[in-house]
Amino acid sequence: MPVKPQKSLLVEIFARNVRRRRVALGLSQEVLAEAAGVHRTYVGMLERAEKNVTIYNIERIAIALDVEPAQLLMSDDTLP
């Protein structure tokens, strides 16, 4: 049985980490989206855990946030 993105712990962790790092860097969703090469509404959907993210986009977002992709998937507070 498939798990909806809103019910996935890993999707929630990713969402929190992206938002935490973006805010820490003082970036708007629009600026992050442009740097990652994705649409700004997509960033909002990811941060609200409404959308599942591909590995490809995890890498693009991580590069834009200047972190290792794995850090966005870790449940502890290892993000700078």
PDB file of N, CA and C in Angstrom:
ATOM      1  N   MET A   1       0.846  -1.174   0.000  1.00  0.00           N
ATOM      2  CA  MET A   1       0.000   0.000   0.000  1.00  0.00           C
ATOM      3  C   MET A   1       0.896   1.244   0.000  1.00  0.00           C
ATOM      4  N   PRO A   2       0.716   2.155  -0.965  1.00  0.00           N
ATOM      5  CA  PRO A   2       1.550   3.349  -1.028  1.00  0.00           C
ATOM      6  C   PRO A   2       1.283   4.294   0.142  1.00  0.00           C
ATOM      7  N   VAL A   3       2.328   5.019   0.516  1.00  0.00           N
ATOM      8  CA  VAL A   3       2.234   5.996   1.595  1.00  0.00           C
ATOM      9  C   VAL A   3       2.148   7.383   0.968  1.00  0.00           C
ATOM     10  N   LYS A   4       1.163   8.169   1.361  1.00  0.00           N
ATOM     11  CA  LYS A   4       1.038   9.531   0.863  1.00  0.00           C
ATOM     12  C   LYS A   4       2.191  10.364   1.402  1.00  0.00           C
ATOM     13  N   PRO A   5       2.672  11.356   0.625  1.00  0.00           N
ATOM     14  CA  PRO A   5       3.791  12.181   1.105  1.00  0.00           C
ATOM     15  C   PRO A   5       3.552  12.770   2.492  1.00  0.00           C
ATOM     16  N   GLN A   6       2.322  13.208   2.778  1.00  0.00           N
ATOM     17  CA  GLN A   6       2.028  13.822   4.071  1.00  0.00           C
ATOM     18  C   GLN A   6       2.113  12.830   5.226  1.00  0.00           C
ATOM     19  N   LYS A   7       2.135  11.537   4.932  1.00  0.00           N
ATOM     20  CA  LYS A   7       2.184  10.514   5.979  1.00  0.00           C
ATOM     21  C   LYS A   7       3.583   9.904   6.121  1.00  0.00           C
ATOM     22  N   SER A   8       4.530  10.368   5.330  1.00  0.00           N
ATOM     23  CA  SER A   8       5.873   9.801   5.334  1.00  0.00           C
ATOM     24  C   SER A   8       6.786  10.594   6.267  1.00  0.00           C
ATOM     25  N   LEU A   9       7.393   9.921   7.208  1.00  0.00           N
ATOM     26  CA  LEU A   9       8.310  10.574   8.143  1.00  0.00           C
ATOM     27  C   LEU A   9       9.495  11.191   7.401  1.00  0.00           C
ATOM     28  N   LEU A  10      10.036  10.502   6.414  1.00  0.00           N
ATOM     29  CA  LEU A  10      11.190  11.022   5.686  1.00  0.00           C
ATOM     30  C   LEU A  10      10.828  12.279   4.888  1.00  0.00           C
ATOM     31  N   VAL A  11       9.644  12.322   4.333  1.00  0.00           N
ATOM     32  CA  VAL A  11       9.196  13.523   3.612  1.00  0.00           C
ATOM     33  C   VAL A  11       9.070  14.684   4.594  1.00  0.00           C
ATOM     34  N   GLU A  12       8.559  14.429   5.781  1.00  0.00           N
ATOM     35  CA  GLU A  12       8.442  15.465   6.822  1.00  0.00           C
ATOM     36  C   GLU A  12       9.811  15.974   7.255  1.00  0.00           C
ATOM     37  N   ILE A  13      10.747  15.056   7.454  1.00  0.00           N
ATOM     38  CA  ILE A  13      12.106  15.434   7.852  1.00  0.00           C
ATOM     39  C   ILE A  13      12.738  16.313   6.777  1.00  0.00           C
ATOM     40  N   PHE A  14      12.619  15.883   5.524  1.00  0.00           N
ATOM     41  CA  PHE A  14      13.170  16.657   4.412  1.00  0.00           C
ATOM     42  C   PHE A  14      12.548  18.054   4.382  1.00  0.00           C
ATOM     43  N   ALA A  15      11.246  18.125   4.526  1.00  0.00           N
ATOM     44  CA  ALA A  15      10.541  19.400   4.502  1.00  0.00           C
ATOM     45  C   ALA A  15      11.049  20.344   5.588  1.00  0.00           C
ATOM     46  N   ARG A  16      11.159  19.838   6.801  1.00  0.00           N
ATOM     47  CA  ARG A  16      11.650  20.662   7.919  1.00  0.00           C
ATOM     48  C   ARG A  16      13.076  21.135   7.669  1.00  0.00           C
ATOM     49  N   ASN A  17      13.918  20.235   7.186  1.00  0.00           N
ATOM     50  CA  ASN A  17      15.320  20.581   6.973  1.00  0.00           C
ATOM     51  C   ASN A  17      15.508  21.610   5.864  1.00  0.00           C
ATOM     52  N   VAL A  18      14.751  21.479   4.795  1.00  0.00           N
ATOM     53  CA  VAL A  18      14.853  22.462   3.711  1.00  0.00           C
ATOM     54  C   VAL A  18      14.438  23.833   4.225  1.00  0.00           C
ATOM     55  N   ARG A  19      13.308  23.888   4.908  1.00  0.00           N
ATOM     56  CA  ARG A  19      12.833  25.174   5.418  1.00  0.00           C
ATOM     57  C   ARG A  19      13.804  25.761   6.432  1.00  0.00           C
ATOM     58  N   ARG A  20      14.283  24.946   7.359  1.00  0.00           N
ATOM     59  CA  ARG A  20      15.214  25.421   8.393  1.00  0.00           C
ATOM     60  C   ARG A  20      16.470  26.016   7.750  1.00  0.00           C
ATOM     61  N   ARG A  21      17.027  25.303   6.785  1.00  0.00           N
ATOM     62  CA  ARG A  21      18.253  25.770   6.145  1.00  0.00           C
ATOM     63  C   ARG A  21      17.993  27.021   5.291  1.00  0.00           C
ATOM     64  N   ARG A  22      16.897  27.045   4.573  1.00  0.00           N
ATOM     65  CA  ARG A  22      16.561  28.201   3.743  1.00  0.00           C
ATOM     66  C   ARG A  22      16.407  29.451   4.600  1.00  0.00           C
ATOM     67  N   VAL A  23      15.678  29.324   5.695  1.00  0.00           N
ATOM     68  CA  VAL A  23      15.472  30.462   6.593  1.00  0.00           C
ATOM     69  C   VAL A  23      16.798  30.892   7.227  1.00  0.00           C
ATOM     70  N   ALA A  24      17.624  29.929   7.626  1.00  0.00           N
ATOM     71  CA  ALA A  24      18.928  30.247   8.223  1.00  0.00           C
ATOM     72  C   ALA A  24      19.805  31.030   7.249  1.00  0.00           C
ATOM     73  N   LEU A  25      19.672  30.739   5.966  1.00  0.00           N
ATOM     74  CA  LEU A  25      20.457  31.457   4.960  1.00  0.00           C
ATOM     75  C   LEU A  25      19.803  32.775   4.548  1.00  0.00           C
ATOM     76  N   GLY A  26      18.593  33.017   5.022  1.00  0.00           N
ATOM     77  CA  GLY A  26      17.887  34.246   4.691  1.00  0.00           C
ATOM     78  C   GLY A  26      17.373  34.278   3.261  1.00  0.00           C
ATOM     79  N   LEU A  27      17.064  33.101   2.717  1.00  0.00           N
ATOM     80  CA  LEU A  27      16.578  33.006   1.341  1.00  0.00           C
ATOM     81  C   LEU A  27      15.061  32.909   1.310  1.00  0.00           C
ATOM     82  N   SER A  28      14.473  33.522   0.316  1.00  0.00           N
ATOM     83  CA  SER A  28      13.043  33.322   0.083  1.00  0.00           C
ATOM     84  C   SER A  28      12.873  32.013  -0.678  1.00  0.00           C
ATOM     85  N   GLN A  29      11.654  31.514  -0.711  1.00  0.00           N
ATOM     86  CA  GLN A  29      11.381  30.317  -1.501  1.00  0.00           C
ATOM     87  C   GLN A  29      11.693  30.568  -2.968  1.00  0.00           C
ATOM     88  N   GLU A  30      11.405  31.767  -3.424  1.00  0.00           N
ATOM     89  CA  GLU A  30      11.652  32.111  -4.824  1.00  0.00           C
ATOM     90  C   GLU A  30      13.142  32.091  -5.155  1.00  0.00           C
ATOM     91  N   VAL A  31      13.957  32.633  -4.281  1.00  0.00           N
ATOM     92  CA  VAL A  31      15.409  32.655  -4.508  1.00  0.00           C
ATOM     93  C   VAL A  31      15.962  31.233  -4.480  1.00  0.00           C
ATOM     94  N   LEU A  32      15.520  30.420  -3.523  1.00  0.00           N
ATOM     95  CA  LEU A  32      15.959  29.031  -3.472  1.00  0.00           C
ATOM     96  C   LEU A  32      15.551  28.294  -4.740  1.00  0.00           C
ATOM     97  N   ALA A  33      14.319  28.485  -5.160  1.00  0.00           N
ATOM     98  CA  ALA A  33      13.828  27.810  -6.359  1.00  0.00           C
ATOM     99  C   ALA A  33      14.671  28.172  -7.577  1.00  0.00           C
ATOM    100  N   GLU A  34      14.972  29.440  -7.721  1.00  0.00           N
ATOM    101  CA  GLU A  34      15.783  29.875  -8.861  1.00  0.00           C
ATOM    102  C   GLU A  34      17.178  29.252  -8.808  1.00  0.00           C
ATOM    103  N   ALA A  35      17.777  29.235  -7.631  1.00  0.00           N
ATOM    104  CA  ALA A  35      19.122  28.666  -7.484  1.00  0.00           C
ATOM    105  C   ALA A  35      19.133  27.166  -7.761  1.00  0.00           C
ATOM    106  N   ALA A  36      18.039  26.493  -7.419  1.00  0.00           N
ATOM    107  CA  ALA A  36      17.953  25.041  -7.609  1.00  0.00           C
ATOM    108  C   ALA A  36      17.407  24.663  -8.983  1.00  0.00           C
ATOM    109  N   GLY A  37      16.883  25.638  -9.702  1.00  0.00           N
ATOM    110  CA  GLY A  37      16.326  25.353 -11.020  1.00  0.00           C
ATOM    111  C   GLY A  37      14.976  24.663 -10.985  1.00  0.00           C
ATOM    112  N   VAL A  38      14.182  25.002  -9.955  1.00  0.00           N
ATOM    113  CA  VAL A  38      12.830  24.449  -9.831  1.00  0.00           C
ATOM    114  C   VAL A  38      11.842  25.605  -9.686  1.00  0.00           C
ATOM    115  N   HIS A  39      10.559  25.307  -9.764  1.00  0.00           N
ATOM    116  CA  HIS A  39       9.534  26.344  -9.634  1.00  0.00           C
ATOM    117  C   HIS A  39       9.339  26.701  -8.167  1.00  0.00           C
ATOM    118  N   ARG A  40       9.035  27.965  -7.909  1.00  0.00           N
ATOM    119  CA  ARG A  40       8.887  28.406  -6.515  1.00  0.00           C
ATOM    120  C   ARG A  40       7.734  27.711  -5.808  1.00  0.00           C
ATOM    121  N   THR A  41       6.662  27.390  -6.528  1.00  0.00           N
ATOM    122  CA  THR A  41       5.553  26.692  -5.882  1.00  0.00           C
ATOM    123  C   THR A  41       5.956  25.274  -5.478  1.00  0.00           C
ATOM    124  N   TYR A  42       6.888  24.698  -6.207  1.00  0.00           N
ATOM    125  CA  TYR A  42       7.402  23.362  -5.880  1.00  0.00           C
ATOM    126  C   TYR A  42       8.131  23.393  -4.539  1.00  0.00           C
ATOM    127  N   VAL A  43       8.929  24.429  -4.322  1.00  0.00           N
ATOM    128  CA  VAL A  43       9.637  24.568  -3.038  1.00  0.00           C
ATOM    129  C   VAL A  43       8.625  24.660  -1.904  1.00  0.00           C
ATOM    130  N   GLY A  44       7.575  25.445  -2.075  1.00  0.00           N
ATOM    131  CA  GLY A  44       6.539  25.554  -1.044  1.00  0.00           C
ATOM    132  C   GLY A  44       5.871  24.225  -0.771  1.00  0.00           C
ATOM    133  N   MET A  45       5.581  23.490  -1.833  1.00  0.00           N
ATOM    134  CA  MET A  45       4.945  22.178  -1.664  1.00  0.00           C
ATOM    135  C   MET A  45       5.881  21.207  -0.945  1.00  0.00           C
ATOM    136  N   LEU A  46       7.167  21.285  -1.236  1.00  0.00           N
ATOM    137  CA  LEU A  46       8.135  20.425  -0.545  1.00  0.00           C
ATOM    138  C   LEU A  46       8.208  20.785   0.937  1.00  0.00           C
ATOM    139  N   GLU A  47       8.258  22.085   1.228  1.00  0.00           N
ATOM    140  CA  GLU A  47       8.355  22.526   2.619  1.00  0.00           C
ATOM    141  C   GLU A  47       7.105  22.200   3.430  1.00  0.00           C
ATOM    142  N   ARG A  48       5.985  22.042   2.769  1.00  0.00           N
ATOM    143  CA  ARG A  48       4.743  21.657   3.458  1.00  0.00           C
ATOM    144  C   ARG A  48       4.526  20.149   3.413  1.00  0.00           C
ATOM    145  N   ALA A  49       5.517  19.425   2.890  1.00  0.00           N
ATOM    146  CA  ALA A  49       5.464  17.954   2.772  1.00  0.00           C
ATOM    147  C   ALA A  49       4.264  17.500   1.957  1.00  0.00           C
ATOM    148  N   GLU A  50       3.927  18.277   0.945  1.00  0.00           N
ATOM    149  CA  GLU A  50       2.810  17.929   0.080  1.00  0.00           C
ATOM    150  C   GLU A  50       3.252  17.160  -1.161  1.00  0.00           C
ATOM    151  N   LYS A  51       4.532  17.154  -1.403  1.00  0.00           N
ATOM    152  CA  LYS A  51       5.061  16.563  -2.626  1.00  0.00           C
ATOM    153  C   LYS A  51       6.255  15.688  -2.282  1.00  0.00           C
ATOM    154  N   ASN A  52       6.336  14.558  -2.948  1.00  0.00           N
ATOM    155  CA  ASN A  52       7.498  13.696  -2.813  1.00  0.00           C
ATOM    156  C   ASN A  52       8.587  14.240  -3.727  1.00  0.00           C
ATOM    157  N   VAL A  53       9.820  14.174  -3.297  1.00  0.00           N
ATOM    158  CA  VAL A  53      10.928  14.756  -4.054  1.00  0.00           C
ATOM    159  C   VAL A  53      11.774  13.646  -4.669  1.00  0.00           C
ATOM    160  N   THR A  54      12.310  13.900  -5.854  1.00  0.00           N
ATOM    161  CA  THR A  54      13.198  12.922  -6.487  1.00  0.00           C
ATOM    162  C   THR A  54      14.619  13.102  -5.977  1.00  0.00           C
ATOM    163  N   ILE A  55      15.418  12.077  -6.146  1.00  0.00           N
ATOM    164  CA  ILE A  55      16.831  12.156  -5.759  1.00  0.00           C
ATOM    165  C   ILE A  55      17.516  13.280  -6.522  1.00  0.00           C
ATOM    166  N   TYR A  56      17.178  13.405  -7.783  1.00  0.00           N
ATOM    167  CA  TYR A  56      17.742  14.463  -8.618  1.00  0.00           C
ATOM    168  C   TYR A  56      17.469  15.839  -8.011  1.00  0.00           C
ATOM    169  N   ASN A  57      16.248  16.078  -7.573  1.00  0.00           N
ATOM    170  CA  ASN A  57      15.910  17.377  -6.993  1.00  0.00           C
ATOM    171  C   ASN A  57      16.451  17.546  -5.581  1.00  0.00           C
ATOM    172  N   ILE A  58      16.618  16.467  -4.848  1.00  0.00           N
ATOM    173  CA  ILE A  58      17.288  16.566  -3.543  1.00  0.00           C
ATOM    174  C   ILE A  58      18.689  17.116  -3.752  1.00  0.00           C
ATOM    175  N   GLU A  59      19.379  16.594  -4.750  1.00  0.00           N
ATOM    176  CA  GLU A  59      20.740  17.058  -5.035  1.00  0.00           C
ATOM    177  C   GLU A  59      20.741  18.531  -5.448  1.00  0.00           C
ATOM    178  N   ARG A  60      19.831  18.908  -6.319  1.00  0.00           N
ATOM    179  CA  ARG A  60      19.774  20.304  -6.788  1.00  0.00           C
ATOM    180  C   ARG A  60      19.477  21.266  -5.638  1.00  0.00           C
ATOM    181  N   ILE A  61      18.560  20.895  -4.767  1.00  0.00           N
ATOM    182  CA  ILE A  61      18.210  21.740  -3.628  1.00  0.00           C
ATOM    183  C   ILE A  61      19.362  21.800  -2.627  1.00  0.00           C
ATOM    184  N   ALA A  62      20.006  20.672  -2.403  1.00  0.00           N
ATOM    185  CA  ALA A  62      21.142  20.639  -1.482  1.00  0.00           C
ATOM    186  C   ALA A  62      22.270  21.549  -1.979  1.00  0.00           C
ATOM    187  N   ILE A  63      22.547  21.502  -3.260  1.00  0.00           N
ATOM    188  CA  ILE A  63      23.582  22.377  -3.818  1.00  0.00           C
ATOM    189  C   ILE A  63      23.199  23.840  -3.603  1.00  0.00           C
ATOM    190  N   ALA A  64      21.952  24.179  -3.862  1.00  0.00           N
ATOM    191  CA  ALA A  64      21.485  25.552  -3.682  1.00  0.00           C
ATOM    192  C   ALA A  64      21.547  25.987  -2.219  1.00  0.00           C
ATOM    193  N   LEU A  65      21.381  25.024  -1.296  1.00  0.00           N
ATOM    194  CA  LEU A  65      21.431  25.327   0.142  1.00  0.00           C
ATOM    195  C   LEU A  65      22.823  25.141   0.736  1.00  0.00           C
ATOM    196  N   ASP A  66      23.781  24.742  -0.101  1.00  0.00           N
ATOM    197  CA  ASP A  66      25.173  24.541   0.317  1.00  0.00           C
ATOM    198  C   ASP A  66      25.298  23.524   1.458  1.00  0.00           C
ATOM    199  N   VAL A  67      24.623  22.383   1.287  1.00  0.00           N
ATOM    200  CA  VAL A  67      24.728  21.273   2.240  1.00  0.00           C
ATOM    201  C   VAL A  67      24.855  19.976   1.450  1.00  0.00           C
ATOM    202  N   GLU A  68      25.276  18.935   2.110  1.00  0.00           N
ATOM    203  CA  GLU A  68      25.303  17.613   1.499  1.00  0.00           C
ATOM    204  C   GLU A  68      23.864  17.106   1.402  1.00  0.00           C
ATOM    205  N   PRO A  69      23.511  16.444   0.320  1.00  0.00           N
ATOM    206  CA  PRO A  69      22.136  15.940   0.186  1.00  0.00           C
ATOM    207  C   PRO A  69      21.683  15.096   1.374  1.00  0.00           C
ATOM    208  N   ALA A  70      22.557  14.272   1.899  1.00  0.00           N
ATOM    209  CA  ALA A  70      22.193  13.403   3.023  1.00  0.00           C
ATOM    210  C   ALA A  70      21.763  14.199   4.248  1.00  0.00           C
ATOM    211  N   GLN A  71      22.311  15.394   4.419  1.00  0.00           N
ATOM    212  CA  GLN A  71      21.942  16.209   5.578  1.00  0.00           C
ATOM    213  C   GLN A  71      20.468  16.602   5.553  1.00  0.00           C
ATOM    214  N   LEU A  72      19.905  16.719   4.378  1.00  0.00           N
ATOM    215  CA  LEU A  72      18.495  17.097   4.274  1.00  0.00           C
ATOM    216  C   LEU A  72      17.565  15.951   4.646  1.00  0.00           C
ATOM    217  N   LEU A  73      18.130  14.751   4.775  1.00  0.00           N
ATOM    218  CA  LEU A  73      17.328  13.577   5.100  1.00  0.00           C
ATOM    219  C   LEU A  73      17.563  13.073   6.524  1.00  0.00           C
ATOM    220  N   MET A  74      18.411  13.756   7.263  1.00  0.00           N
ATOM    221  CA  MET A  74      18.735  13.338   8.633  1.00  0.00           C
ATOM    222  C   MET A  74      17.764  13.949   9.622  1.00  0.00           C
ATOM    223  N   SER A  75      17.322  13.125  10.571  1.00  0.00           N
ATOM    224  CA  SER A  75      16.299  13.605  11.520  1.00  0.00           C
ATOM    225  C   SER A  75      16.857  14.457  12.650  1.00  0.00           C
ATOM    226  N   ASP A  76      18.148  14.397  12.910  1.00  0.00           N
ATOM    227  CA  ASP A  76      18.682  15.220  13.997  1.00  0.00           C
ATOM    228  C   ASP A  76      19.009  16.618  13.457  1.00  0.00           C
ATOM    229  N   ASP A  77      19.432  17.491  14.341  1.00  0.00           N
ATOM    230  CA  ASP A  77      19.708  18.875  13.959  1.00  0.00           C
ATOM    231  C   ASP A  77      21.166  19.056  13.539  1.00  0.00           C
ATOM    232  N   THR A  78      21.562  18.392  12.458  1.00  0.00           N
ATOM    233  CA  THR A  78      22.948  18.481  11.993  1.00  0.00           C
ATOM    234  C   THR A  78      23.153  19.601  10.975  1.00  0.00           C
ATOM    235  N   LEU A  79      22.093  20.249  10.581  1.00  0.00           N
ATOM    236  CA  LEU A  79      22.232  21.319   9.605  1.00  0.00           C
ATOM    237  C   LEU A  79      22.857  22.549  10.247  1.00  0.00           C
ATOM    238  N   PRO A  80      23.759  23.169   9.518  1.00  0.00           N
ATOM    239  CA  PRO A  80      24.347  24.429  10.031  1.00  0.00           C
ATOM    240  C   PRO A  80      23.344  25.549  10.029  1.00  0.00           C
TER     241      PRO A  80
END
